[in-house]
Amino acid sequence: MNHPMMTQTSAALALAALGHETRLAIFRLLVKAGNDGLNVGEIGQHLGMAASTLAHHLGALVEAGLVEQERQGRQIVNRVDFGVMNQTVSFLTAECCVGVKLTQEDAA
């Protein structure tokens, strides 16, 4: 999928979604599943959680753009949007080790 450039706002939304222990566990499981994804029942079996709990947390991950959902018959398959995941990581590391200097105003 083609994604626009990550902004500070979209990065903050993605990181906030991952800032919850349950959502982080779901996301990491879906990363392991790869492009095949998992339905809610499969996620629940792996993590030992109720479908209603998972639906709430998956909604937050979808809203943040980190997870995509696709209906396949009666099931909804959840997959990581690897483009958004990679953009989030790139946003965090884009200016690694470039240095920071004080401006004249900051030094005064």
PDB file of N, CA and C in Angstrom:
ATOM      1  N   MET A   1       0.840  -1.182   0.000  1.00  0.00           N
ATOM      2  CA  MET A   1       0.000   0.000   0.000  1.00  0.00           C
ATOM      3  C   MET A   1       0.885   1.245   0.000  1.00  0.00           C
ATOM      4  N   ASN A   2       0.510   2.270  -0.730  1.00  0.00           N
ATOM      5  CA  ASN A   2       1.270   3.510  -0.795  1.00  0.00           C
ATOM      6  C   ASN A   2       0.806   4.450   0.320  1.00  0.00           C
ATOM      7  N   HIS A   3       1.736   4.873   1.174  1.00  0.00           N
ATOM      8  CA  HIS A   3       1.396   5.698   2.327  1.00  0.00           C
ATOM      9  C   HIS A   3       2.008   7.076   2.169  1.00  0.00           C
ATOM     10  N   PRO A   4       1.282   8.108   2.586  1.00  0.00           N
ATOM     11  CA  PRO A   4       1.895   9.440   2.620  1.00  0.00           C
ATOM     12  C   PRO A   4       2.978   9.470   3.693  1.00  0.00           C
ATOM     13  N   MET A   5       3.802  10.484   3.640  1.00  0.00           N
ATOM     14  CA  MET A   5       4.886  10.622   4.608  1.00  0.00           C
ATOM     15  C   MET A   5       4.325  10.692   6.032  1.00  0.00           C
ATOM     16  N   MET A   6       4.995  10.045   6.961  1.00  0.00           N
ATOM     17  CA  MET A   6       4.568  10.050   8.362  1.00  0.00           C
ATOM     18  C   MET A   6       4.800  11.441   8.949  1.00  0.00           C
ATOM     19  N   THR A   7       3.809  11.919   9.663  1.00  0.00           N
ATOM     20  CA  THR A   7       3.913  13.203  10.355  1.00  0.00           C
ATOM     21  C   THR A   7       4.128  12.942  11.838  1.00  0.00           C
ATOM     22  N   GLN A   8       4.449  13.971  12.563  1.00  0.00           N
ATOM     23  CA  GLN A   8       4.607  13.819  14.014  1.00  0.00           C
ATOM     24  C   GLN A   8       3.286  13.380  14.640  1.00  0.00           C
ATOM     25  N   THR A   9       2.177  13.888  14.118  1.00  0.00           N
ATOM     26  CA  THR A   9       0.857  13.518  14.645  1.00  0.00           C
ATOM     27  C   THR A   9       0.557  12.042  14.398  1.00  0.00           C
ATOM     28  N   SER A  10       0.805  11.560  13.175  1.00  0.00           N
ATOM     29  CA  SER A  10       0.518  10.154  12.879  1.00  0.00           C
ATOM     30  C   SER A  10       1.473   9.229  13.627  1.00  0.00           C
ATOM     31  N   ALA A  11       2.719   9.654  13.805  1.00  0.00           N
ATOM     32  CA  ALA A  11       3.672   8.856  14.585  1.00  0.00           C
ATOM     33  C   ALA A  11       3.223   8.783  16.044  1.00  0.00           C
ATOM     34  N   ALA A  12       2.763   9.897  16.590  1.00  0.00           N
ATOM     35  CA  ALA A  12       2.295   9.914  17.977  1.00  0.00           C
ATOM     36  C   ALA A  12       1.082   9.008  18.153  1.00  0.00           C
ATOM     37  N   LEU A  13       0.172   9.004  17.176  1.00  0.00           N
ATOM     38  CA  LEU A  13      -1.007   8.139  17.238  1.00  0.00           C
ATOM     39  C   LEU A  13      -0.594   6.667  17.216  1.00  0.00           C
ATOM     40  N   ALA A  14       0.343   6.317  16.330  1.00  0.00           N
ATOM     41  CA  ALA A  14       0.810   4.934  16.242  1.00  0.00           C
ATOM     42  C   ALA A  14       1.494   4.511  17.537  1.00  0.00           C
ATOM     43  N   LEU A  15       2.354   5.363  18.053  1.00  0.00           N
ATOM     44  CA  LEU A  15       3.075   5.024  19.280  1.00  0.00           C
ATOM     45  C   LEU A  15       2.140   4.953  20.481  1.00  0.00           C
ATOM     46  N   ALA A  16       1.140   5.818  20.517  1.00  0.00           N
ATOM     47  CA  ALA A  16       0.158   5.768  21.613  1.00  0.00           C
ATOM     48  C   ALA A  16      -0.606   4.449  21.575  1.00  0.00           C
ATOM     49  N   ALA A  17      -0.963   4.002  20.379  1.00  0.00           N
ATOM     50  CA  ALA A  17      -1.678   2.725  20.250  1.00  0.00           C
ATOM     51  C   ALA A  17      -0.808   1.570  20.738  1.00  0.00           C
ATOM     52  N   LEU A  18       0.472   1.639  20.464  1.00  0.00           N
ATOM     53  CA  LEU A  18       1.384   0.577  20.893  1.00  0.00           C
ATOM     54  C   LEU A  18       1.779   0.702  22.363  1.00  0.00           C
ATOM     55  N   GLY A  19       1.402   1.817  22.987  1.00  0.00           N
ATOM     56  CA  GLY A  19       1.767   2.074  24.372  1.00  0.00           C
ATOM     57  C   GLY A  19       0.910   1.356  25.395  1.00  0.00           C
ATOM     58  N   HIS A  20       0.084   0.443  24.959  1.00  0.00           N
ATOM     59  CA  HIS A  20      -0.741  -0.357  25.864  1.00  0.00           C
ATOM     60  C   HIS A  20      -0.268  -1.805  25.764  1.00  0.00           C
ATOM     61  N   GLU A  21      -0.076  -2.451  26.890  1.00  0.00           N
ATOM     62  CA  GLU A  21       0.496  -3.800  26.914  1.00  0.00           C
ATOM     63  C   GLU A  21      -0.275  -4.794  26.048  1.00  0.00           C
ATOM     64  N   THR A  22      -1.596  -4.765  26.100  1.00  0.00           N
ATOM     65  CA  THR A  22      -2.396  -5.698  25.305  1.00  0.00           C
ATOM     66  C   THR A  22      -2.250  -5.414  23.822  1.00  0.00           C
ATOM     67  N   ARG A  23      -2.316  -4.138  23.436  1.00  0.00           N
ATOM     68  CA  ARG A  23      -2.178  -3.795  22.016  1.00  0.00           C
ATOM     69  C   ARG A  23      -0.789  -4.129  21.500  1.00  0.00           C
ATOM     70  N   LEU A  24       0.220  -3.934  22.314  1.00  0.00           N
ATOM     71  CA  LEU A  24       1.577  -4.286  21.911  1.00  0.00           C
ATOM     72  C   LEU A  24       1.692  -5.794  21.691  1.00  0.00           C
ATOM     73  N   ALA A  25       1.082  -6.584  22.565  1.00  0.00           N
ATOM     74  CA  ALA A  25       1.106  -8.043  22.414  1.00  0.00           C
ATOM     75  C   ALA A  25       0.387  -8.469  21.135  1.00  0.00           C
ATOM     76  N   ILE A  26      -0.764  -7.863  20.861  1.00  0.00           N
ATOM     77  CA  ILE A  26      -1.508  -8.169  19.628  1.00  0.00           C
ATOM     78  C   ILE A  26      -0.666  -7.810  18.412  1.00  0.00           C
ATOM     79  N   PHE A  27      -0.085  -6.614  18.424  1.00  0.00           N
ATOM     80  CA  PHE A  27       0.702  -6.148  17.287  1.00  0.00           C
ATOM     81  C   PHE A  27       1.898  -7.069  17.037  1.00  0.00           C
ATOM     82  N   ARG A  28       2.605  -7.429  18.087  1.00  0.00           N
ATOM     83  CA  ARG A  28       3.773  -8.301  17.924  1.00  0.00           C
ATOM     84  C   ARG A  28       3.364  -9.673  17.398  1.00  0.00           C
ATOM     85  N   LEU A  29       2.221 -10.186  17.851  1.00  0.00           N
ATOM     86  CA  LEU A  29       1.726 -11.464  17.339  1.00  0.00           C
ATOM     87  C   LEU A  29       1.406 -11.353  15.853  1.00  0.00           C
ATOM     88  N   LEU A  30       0.761 -10.252  15.459  1.00  0.00           N
ATOM     89  CA  LEU A  30       0.431 -10.058  14.048  1.00  0.00           C
ATOM     90  C   LEU A  30       1.679  -9.864  13.197  1.00  0.00           C
ATOM     91  N   VAL A  31       2.714  -9.254  13.750  1.00  0.00           N
ATOM     92  CA  VAL A  31       3.985  -9.144  13.025  1.00  0.00           C
ATOM     93  C   VAL A  31       4.517 -10.540  12.750  1.00  0.00           C
ATOM     94  N   LYS A  32       4.459 -11.419  13.758  1.00  0.00           N
ATOM     95  CA  LYS A  32       4.920 -12.804  13.581  1.00  0.00           C
ATOM     96  C   LYS A  32       4.101 -13.529  12.521  1.00  0.00           C
ATOM     97  N   ALA A  33       2.794 -13.250  12.464  1.00  0.00           N
ATOM     98  CA  ALA A  33       1.908 -13.926  11.510  1.00  0.00           C
ATOM     99  C   ALA A  33       2.196 -13.499  10.073  1.00  0.00           C
ATOM    100  N   GLY A  34       2.785 -12.327   9.897  1.00  0.00           N
ATOM    101  CA  GLY A  34       3.128 -11.862   8.553  1.00  0.00           C
ATOM    102  C   GLY A  34       1.894 -11.508   7.742  1.00  0.00           C
ATOM    103  N   ASN A  35       2.021 -11.626   6.440  1.00  0.00           N
ATOM    104  CA  ASN A  35       0.937 -11.227   5.526  1.00  0.00           C
ATOM    105  C   ASN A  35      -0.284 -12.127   5.599  1.00  0.00           C
ATOM    106  N   ASP A  36      -0.150 -13.316   6.182  1.00  0.00           N
ATOM    107  CA  ASP A  36      -1.312 -14.197   6.326  1.00  0.00           C
ATOM    108  C   ASP A  36      -2.299 -13.630   7.332  1.00  0.00           C
ATOM    109  N   GLY A  37      -1.803 -12.928   8.340  1.00  0.00           N
ATOM    110  CA  GLY A  37      -2.669 -12.345   9.356  1.00  0.00           C
ATOM    111  C   GLY A  37      -3.337 -13.404  10.221  1.00  0.00           C
ATOM    112  N   LEU A  38      -4.204 -12.943  11.098  1.00  0.00           N
ATOM    113  CA  LEU A  38      -4.952 -13.819  12.000  1.00  0.00           C
ATOM    114  C   LEU A  38      -6.340 -13.241  12.218  1.00  0.00           C
ATOM    115  N   ASN A  39      -7.328 -14.123  12.439  1.00  0.00           N
ATOM    116  CA  ASN A  39      -8.646 -13.619  12.812  1.00  0.00           C
ATOM    117  C   ASN A  39      -8.693 -13.447  14.328  1.00  0.00           C
ATOM    118  N   VAL A  40      -9.760 -12.844  14.819  1.00  0.00           N
ATOM    119  CA  VAL A  40      -9.857 -12.527  16.245  1.00  0.00           C
ATOM    120  C   VAL A  40      -9.790 -13.794  17.097  1.00  0.00           C
ATOM    121  N   GLY A  41     -10.431 -14.855  16.651  1.00  0.00           N
ATOM    122  CA  GLY A  41     -10.398 -16.113  17.406  1.00  0.00           C
ATOM    123  C   GLY A  41      -8.989 -16.659  17.541  1.00  0.00           C
ATOM    124  N   GLU A  42      -8.226 -16.591  16.461  1.00  0.00           N
ATOM    125  CA  GLU A  42      -6.842 -17.075  16.500  1.00  0.00           C
ATOM    126  C   GLU A  42      -5.980 -16.215  17.428  1.00  0.00           C
ATOM    127  N   ILE A  43      -6.189 -14.908  17.364  1.00  0.00           N
ATOM    128  CA  ILE A  43      -5.440 -14.013  18.255  1.00  0.00           C
ATOM    129  C   ILE A  43      -5.785 -14.344  19.707  1.00  0.00           C
ATOM    130  N   GLY A  44      -7.074 -14.535  19.976  1.00  0.00           N
ATOM    131  CA  GLY A  44      -7.525 -14.876  21.323  1.00  0.00           C
ATOM    132  C   GLY A  44      -6.914 -16.167  21.837  1.00  0.00           C
ATOM    133  N   GLN A  45      -6.817 -17.178  20.966  1.00  0.00           N
ATOM    134  CA  GLN A  45      -6.207 -18.448  21.368  1.00  0.00           C
ATOM    135  C   GLN A  45      -4.740 -18.267  21.726  1.00  0.00           C
ATOM    136  N   HIS A  46      -4.030 -17.506  20.933  1.00  0.00           N
ATOM    137  CA  HIS A  46      -2.603 -17.293  21.187  1.00  0.00           C
ATOM    138  C   HIS A  46      -2.357 -16.487  22.464  1.00  0.00           C
ATOM    139  N   LEU A  47      -3.198 -15.495  22.709  1.00  0.00           N
ATOM    140  CA  LEU A  47      -2.962 -14.579  23.827  1.00  0.00           C
ATOM    141  C   LEU A  47      -3.821 -14.872  25.047  1.00  0.00           C
ATOM    142  N   GLY A  48      -4.756 -15.817  24.919  1.00  0.00           N
ATOM    143  CA  GLY A  48      -5.622 -16.158  26.046  1.00  0.00           C
ATOM    144  C   GLY A  48      -6.544 -15.019  26.445  1.00  0.00           C
ATOM    145  N   MET A  49      -7.130 -14.353  25.454  1.00  0.00           N
ATOM    146  CA  MET A  49      -8.004 -13.208  25.719  1.00  0.00           C
ATOM    147  C   MET A  49      -9.354 -13.401  25.044  1.00  0.00           C
ATOM    148  N   ALA A  50     -10.364 -12.758  25.630  1.00  0.00           N
ATOM    149  CA  ALA A  50     -11.720 -12.809  25.086  1.00  0.00           C
ATOM    150  C   ALA A  50     -11.818 -11.972  23.809  1.00  0.00           C
ATOM    151  N   ALA A  51     -12.693 -12.404  22.898  1.00  0.00           N
ATOM    152  CA  ALA A  51     -12.879 -11.698  21.633  1.00  0.00           C
ATOM    153  C   ALA A  51     -13.326 -10.255  21.839  1.00  0.00           C
ATOM    154  N   SER A  52     -14.160 -10.015  22.845  1.00  0.00           N
ATOM    155  CA  SER A  52     -14.647  -8.649  23.075  1.00  0.00           C
ATOM    156  C   SER A  52     -13.501  -7.722  23.481  1.00  0.00           C
ATOM    157  N   THR A  53     -12.590  -8.215  24.297  1.00  0.00           N
ATOM    158  CA  THR A  53     -11.412  -7.432  24.685  1.00  0.00           C
ATOM    159  C   THR A  53     -10.541  -7.150  23.471  1.00  0.00           C
ATOM    160  N   LEU A  54     -10.332  -8.164  22.664  1.00  0.00           N
ATOM    161  CA  LEU A  54      -9.480  -8.020  21.487  1.00  0.00           C
ATOM    162  C   LEU A  54     -10.076  -7.050  20.481  1.00  0.00           C
ATOM    163  N   ALA A  55     -11.381  -7.091  20.298  1.00  0.00           N
ATOM    164  CA  ALA A  55     -12.027  -6.207  19.323  1.00  0.00           C
ATOM    165  C   ALA A  55     -11.766  -4.747  19.673  1.00  0.00           C
ATOM    166  N   HIS A  56     -11.858  -4.418  20.942  1.00  0.00           N
ATOM    167  CA  HIS A  56     -11.600  -3.050  21.397  1.00  0.00           C
ATOM    168  C   HIS A  56     -10.160  -2.633  21.067  1.00  0.00           C
ATOM    169  N   HIS A  57      -9.212  -3.478  21.390  1.00  0.00           N
ATOM    170  CA  HIS A  57      -7.802  -3.145  21.175  1.00  0.00           C
ATOM    171  C   HIS A  57      -7.433  -3.157  19.692  1.00  0.00           C
ATOM    172  N   LEU A  58      -8.000  -4.070  18.935  1.00  0.00           N
ATOM    173  CA  LEU A  58      -7.759  -4.078  17.489  1.00  0.00           C
ATOM    174  C   LEU A  58      -8.281  -2.798  16.851  1.00  0.00           C
ATOM    175  N   GLY A  59      -9.413  -2.308  17.346  1.00  0.00           N
ATOM    176  CA  GLY A  59      -9.967  -1.057  16.827  1.00  0.00           C
ATOM    177  C   GLY A  59      -8.992   0.095  16.980  1.00  0.00           C
ATOM    178  N   ALA A  60      -8.308   0.159  18.111  1.00  0.00           N
ATOM    179  CA  ALA A  60      -7.322   1.223  18.340  1.00  0.00           C
ATOM    180  C   ALA A  60      -6.140   1.073  17.387  1.00  0.00           C
ATOM    181  N   LEU A  61      -5.711  -0.150  17.129  1.00  0.00           N
ATOM    182  CA  LEU A  61      -4.596  -0.378  16.209  1.00  0.00           C
ATOM    183  C   LEU A  61      -4.989  -0.051  14.765  1.00  0.00           C
ATOM    184  N   VAL A  62      -6.234  -0.352  14.417  1.00  0.00           N
ATOM    185  CA  VAL A  62      -6.738  -0.015  13.076  1.00  0.00           C
ATOM    186  C   VAL A  62      -6.821   1.502  12.933  1.00  0.00           C
ATOM    187  N   GLU A  63      -7.367   2.171  13.943  1.00  0.00           N
ATOM    188  CA  GLU A  63      -7.500   3.631  13.908  1.00  0.00           C
ATOM    189  C   GLU A  63      -6.131   4.310  13.753  1.00  0.00           C
ATOM    190  N   ALA A  64      -5.112   3.735  14.363  1.00  0.00           N
ATOM    191  CA  ALA A  64      -3.762   4.292  14.273  1.00  0.00           C
ATOM    192  C   ALA A  64      -3.089   3.967  12.942  1.00  0.00           C
ATOM    193  N   GLY A  65      -3.730   3.113  12.131  1.00  0.00           N
ATOM    194  CA  GLY A  65      -3.178   2.764  10.829  1.00  0.00           C
ATOM    195  C   GLY A  65      -2.178   1.624  10.856  1.00  0.00           C
ATOM    196  N   LEU A  66      -1.972   1.016  12.018  1.00  0.00           N
ATOM    197  CA  LEU A  66      -0.979  -0.050  12.142  1.00  0.00           C
ATOM    198  C   LEU A  66      -1.496  -1.413  11.703  1.00  0.00           C
ATOM    199  N   VAL A  67      -2.806  -1.607  11.770  1.00  0.00           N
ATOM    200  CA  VAL A  67      -3.416  -2.893  11.417  1.00  0.00           C
ATOM    201  C   VAL A  67      -4.513  -2.658  10.400  1.00  0.00           C
ATOM    202  N   GLU A  68      -4.567  -3.552   9.423  1.00  0.00           N
ATOM    203  CA  GLU A  68      -5.641  -3.539   8.420  1.00  0.00           C
ATOM    204  C   GLU A  68      -6.521  -4.754   8.654  1.00  0.00           C
ATOM    205  N   GLN A  69      -7.800  -4.588   8.366  1.00  0.00           N
ATOM    206  CA  GLN A  69      -8.740  -5.699   8.499  1.00  0.00           C
ATOM    207  C   GLN A  69      -9.377  -5.975   7.153  1.00  0.00           C
ATOM    208  N   GLU A  70      -9.510  -7.267   6.836  1.00  0.00           N
ATOM    209  CA  GLU A  70     -10.122  -7.678   5.565  1.00  0.00           C
ATOM    210  C   GLU A  70     -11.127  -8.781   5.846  1.00  0.00           C
ATOM    211  N   ARG A  71     -12.327  -8.580   5.342  1.00  0.00           N
ATOM    212  CA  ARG A  71     -13.358  -9.603   5.506  1.00  0.00           C
ATOM    213  C   ARG A  71     -13.101 -10.724   4.512  1.00  0.00           C
ATOM    214  N   GLN A  72     -13.069 -11.954   5.028  1.00  0.00           N
ATOM    215  CA  GLN A  72     -12.951 -13.154   4.201  1.00  0.00           C
ATOM    216  C   GLN A  72     -14.075 -14.085   4.617  1.00  0.00           C
ATOM    217  N   GLY A  73     -15.184 -14.016   3.858  1.00  0.00           N
ATOM    218  CA  GLY A  73     -16.366 -14.784   4.235  1.00  0.00           C
ATOM    219  C   GLY A  73     -16.935 -14.252   5.531  1.00  0.00           C
ATOM    220  N   ARG A  74     -17.032 -15.117   6.532  1.00  0.00           N
ATOM    221  CA  ARG A  74     -17.582 -14.714   7.832  1.00  0.00           C
ATOM    222  C   ARG A  74     -16.509 -14.227   8.794  1.00  0.00           C
ATOM    223  N   GLN A  75     -15.264 -14.295   8.385  1.00  0.00           N
ATOM    224  CA  GLN A  75     -14.174 -13.913   9.279  1.00  0.00           C
ATOM    225  C   GLN A  75     -13.550 -12.593   8.857  1.00  0.00           C
ATOM    226  N   ILE A  76     -12.963 -11.915   9.825  1.00  0.00           N
ATOM    227  CA  ILE A  76     -12.200 -10.706   9.542  1.00  0.00           C
ATOM    228  C   ILE A  76     -10.745 -11.015   9.873  1.00  0.00           C
ATOM    229  N   VAL A  77      -9.901 -10.915   8.849  1.00  0.00           N
ATOM    230  CA  VAL A  77      -8.472 -11.182   9.020  1.00  0.00           C
ATOM    231  C   VAL A  77      -7.769  -9.868   9.339  1.00  0.00           C
ATOM    232  N   ASN A  78      -6.933  -9.910  10.349  1.00  0.00           N
ATOM    233  CA  ASN A  78      -6.172  -8.739  10.799  1.00  0.00           C
ATOM    234  C   ASN A  78      -4.724  -8.907  10.384  1.00  0.00           C
ATOM    235  N   ARG A  79      -4.173  -7.861   9.763  1.00  0.00           N
ATOM    236  CA  ARG A  79      -2.779  -7.882   9.324  1.00  0.00           C
ATOM    237  C   ARG A  79      -2.105  -6.577   9.691  1.00  0.00           C
ATOM    238  N   VAL A  80      -0.824  -6.654   9.982  1.00  0.00           N
ATOM    239  CA  VAL A  80      -0.027  -5.454  10.192  1.00  0.00           C
ATOM    240  C   VAL A  80       0.127  -4.742   8.858  1.00  0.00           C
ATOM    241  N   ASP A  81       0.001  -3.440   8.867  1.00  0.00           N
ATOM    242  CA  ASP A  81       0.350  -2.640   7.702  1.00  0.00           C
ATOM    243  C   ASP A  81       1.842  -2.365   7.844  1.00  0.00           C
ATOM    244  N   PHE A  82       2.646  -3.186   7.178  1.00  0.00           N
ATOM    245  CA  PHE A  82       4.092  -3.109   7.343  1.00  0.00           C
ATOM    246  C   PHE A  82       4.663  -1.790   6.839  1.00  0.00           C
ATOM    247  N   GLY A  83       4.002  -1.147   5.884  1.00  0.00           N
ATOM    248  CA  GLY A  83       4.444   0.170   5.434  1.00  0.00           C
ATOM    249  C   GLY A  83       4.363   1.186   6.549  1.00  0.00           C
ATOM    250  N   VAL A  84       3.250   1.201   7.271  1.00  0.00           N
ATOM    251  CA  VAL A  84       3.073   2.136   8.387  1.00  0.00           C
ATOM    252  C   VAL A  84       4.041   1.778   9.514  1.00  0.00           C
ATOM    253  N   MET A  85       4.212   0.499   9.777  1.00  0.00           N
ATOM    254  CA  MET A  85       5.152   0.081  10.816  1.00  0.00           C
ATOM    255  C   MET A  85       6.554   0.588  10.495  1.00  0.00           C
ATOM    256  N   ASN A  86       6.985   0.379   9.264  1.00  0.00           N
ATOM    257  CA  ASN A  86       8.328   0.808   8.866  1.00  0.00           C
ATOM    258  C   ASN A  86       8.461   2.327   8.878  1.00  0.00           C
ATOM    259  N   GLN A  87       7.414   3.019   8.487  1.00  0.00           N
ATOM    260  CA  GLN A  87       7.460   4.487   8.527  1.00  0.00           C
ATOM    261  C   GLN A  87       7.559   4.999   9.960  1.00  0.00           C
ATOM    262  N   THR A  88       6.888   4.318  10.889  1.00  0.00           N
ATOM    263  CA  THR A  88       6.947   4.728  12.293  1.00  0.00           C
ATOM    264  C   THR A  88       8.371   4.573  12.822  1.00  0.00           C
ATOM    265  N   VAL A  89       8.979   3.432  12.534  1.00  0.00           N
ATOM    266  CA  VAL A  89      10.353   3.208  12.974  1.00  0.00           C
ATOM    267  C   VAL A  89      11.290   4.216  12.295  1.00  0.00           C
ATOM    268  N   SER A  90      11.104   4.454  11.010  1.00  0.00           N
ATOM    269  CA  SER A  90      11.943   5.414  10.281  1.00  0.00           C
ATOM    270  C   SER A  90      11.781   6.820  10.837  1.00  0.00           C
ATOM    271  N   PHE A  91      10.556   7.180  11.205  1.00  0.00           N
ATOM    272  CA  PHE A  91      10.313   8.498  11.789  1.00  0.00           C
ATOM    273  C   PHE A  91      11.142   8.674  13.063  1.00  0.00           C
ATOM    274  N   LEU A  92      11.200   7.620  13.873  1.00  0.00           N
ATOM    275  CA  LEU A  92      11.937   7.690  15.134  1.00  0.00           C
ATOM    276  C   LEU A  92      13.444   7.778  14.933  1.00  0.00           C
ATOM    277  N   THR A  93      13.939   7.183  13.865  1.00  0.00           N
ATOM    278  CA  THR A  93      15.382   7.074  13.685  1.00  0.00           C
ATOM    279  C   THR A  93      15.936   7.972  12.581  1.00  0.00           C
ATOM    280  N   ALA A  94      15.098   8.732  11.929  1.00  0.00           N
ATOM    281  CA  ALA A  94      15.502   9.497  10.740  1.00  0.00           C
ATOM    282  C   ALA A  94      16.662  10.450  10.995  1.00  0.00           C
ATOM    283  N   GLU A  95      16.727  11.031  12.165  1.00  0.00           N
ATOM    284  CA  GLU A  95      17.767  12.026  12.429  1.00  0.00           C
ATOM    285  C   GLU A  95      18.758  11.532  13.482  1.00  0.00           C
ATOM    286  N   CYS A  96      18.921  10.228  13.535  1.00  0.00           N
ATOM    287  CA  CYS A  96      19.814   9.639  14.527  1.00  0.00           C
ATOM    288  C   CYS A  96      21.234  10.176  14.370  1.00  0.00           C
ATOM    289  N   CYS A  97      21.754  10.658  15.463  1.00  0.00           N
ATOM    290  CA  CYS A  97      23.175  11.017  15.582  1.00  0.00           C
ATOM    291  C   CYS A  97      23.617  12.169  14.681  1.00  0.00           C
ATOM    292  N   VAL A  98      22.690  13.048  14.276  1.00  0.00           N
ATOM    293  CA  VAL A  98      23.074  14.190  13.439  1.00  0.00           C
ATOM    294  C   VAL A  98      23.593  15.346  14.286  1.00  0.00           C
ATOM    295  N   GLY A  99      23.407  15.261  15.575  1.00  0.00           N
ATOM    296  CA  GLY A  99      23.888  16.304  16.467  1.00  0.00           C
ATOM    297  C   GLY A  99      22.829  17.368  16.695  1.00  0.00           C
ATOM    298  N   VAL A 100      22.962  18.049  17.818  1.00  0.00           N
ATOM    299  CA  VAL A 100      22.045  19.124  18.183  1.00  0.00           C
ATOM    300  C   VAL A 100      22.897  20.278  18.683  1.00  0.00           C
ATOM    301  N   LYS A 101      22.664  21.455  18.123  1.00  0.00           N
ATOM    302  CA  LYS A 101      23.403  22.638  18.545  1.00  0.00           C
ATOM    303  C   LYS A 101      22.436  23.664  19.055  1.00  0.00           C
ATOM    304  N   LEU A 102      22.856  24.418  20.047  1.00  0.00           N
ATOM    305  CA  LEU A 102      22.046  25.501  20.583  1.00  0.00           C
ATOM    306  C   LEU A 102      22.111  26.698  19.640  1.00  0.00           C
ATOM    307  N   THR A 103      20.990  27.369  19.490  1.00  0.00           N
ATOM    308  CA  THR A 103      20.996  28.615  18.729  1.00  0.00           C
ATOM    309  C   THR A 103      21.515  29.717  19.636  1.00  0.00           C
ATOM    310  N   GLN A 104      21.815  30.876  19.087  1.00  0.00           N
ATOM    311  CA  GLN A 104      22.301  32.009  19.891  1.00  0.00           C
ATOM    312  C   GLN A 104      21.298  32.357  20.983  1.00  0.00           C
ATOM    313  N   GLU A 105      19.987  32.348  20.650  1.00  0.00           N
ATOM    314  CA  GLU A 105      18.964  32.699  21.638  1.00  0.00           C
ATOM    315  C   GLU A 105      18.965  31.690  22.790  1.00  0.00           C
ATOM    316  N   ASP A 106      19.113  30.396  22.451  1.00  0.00           N
ATOM    317  CA  ASP A 106      19.105  29.373  23.492  1.00  0.00           C
ATOM    318  C   ASP A 106      20.310  29.494  24.409  1.00  0.00           C
ATOM    319  N   ALA A 107      21.434  29.931  23.864  1.00  0.00           N
ATOM    320  CA  ALA A 107      22.662  30.007  24.656  1.00  0.00           C
ATOM    321  C   ALA A 107      22.636  31.200  25.617  1.00  0.00           C
ATOM    322  N   ALA A 108      21.846  32.214  25.308  1.00  0.00           N
ATOM    323  CA  ALA A 108      21.831  33.437  26.144  1.00  0.00           C
ATOM    324  C   ALA A 108      21.074  33.254  27.446  1.00  0.00           C
TER     325      ALA A 108
END
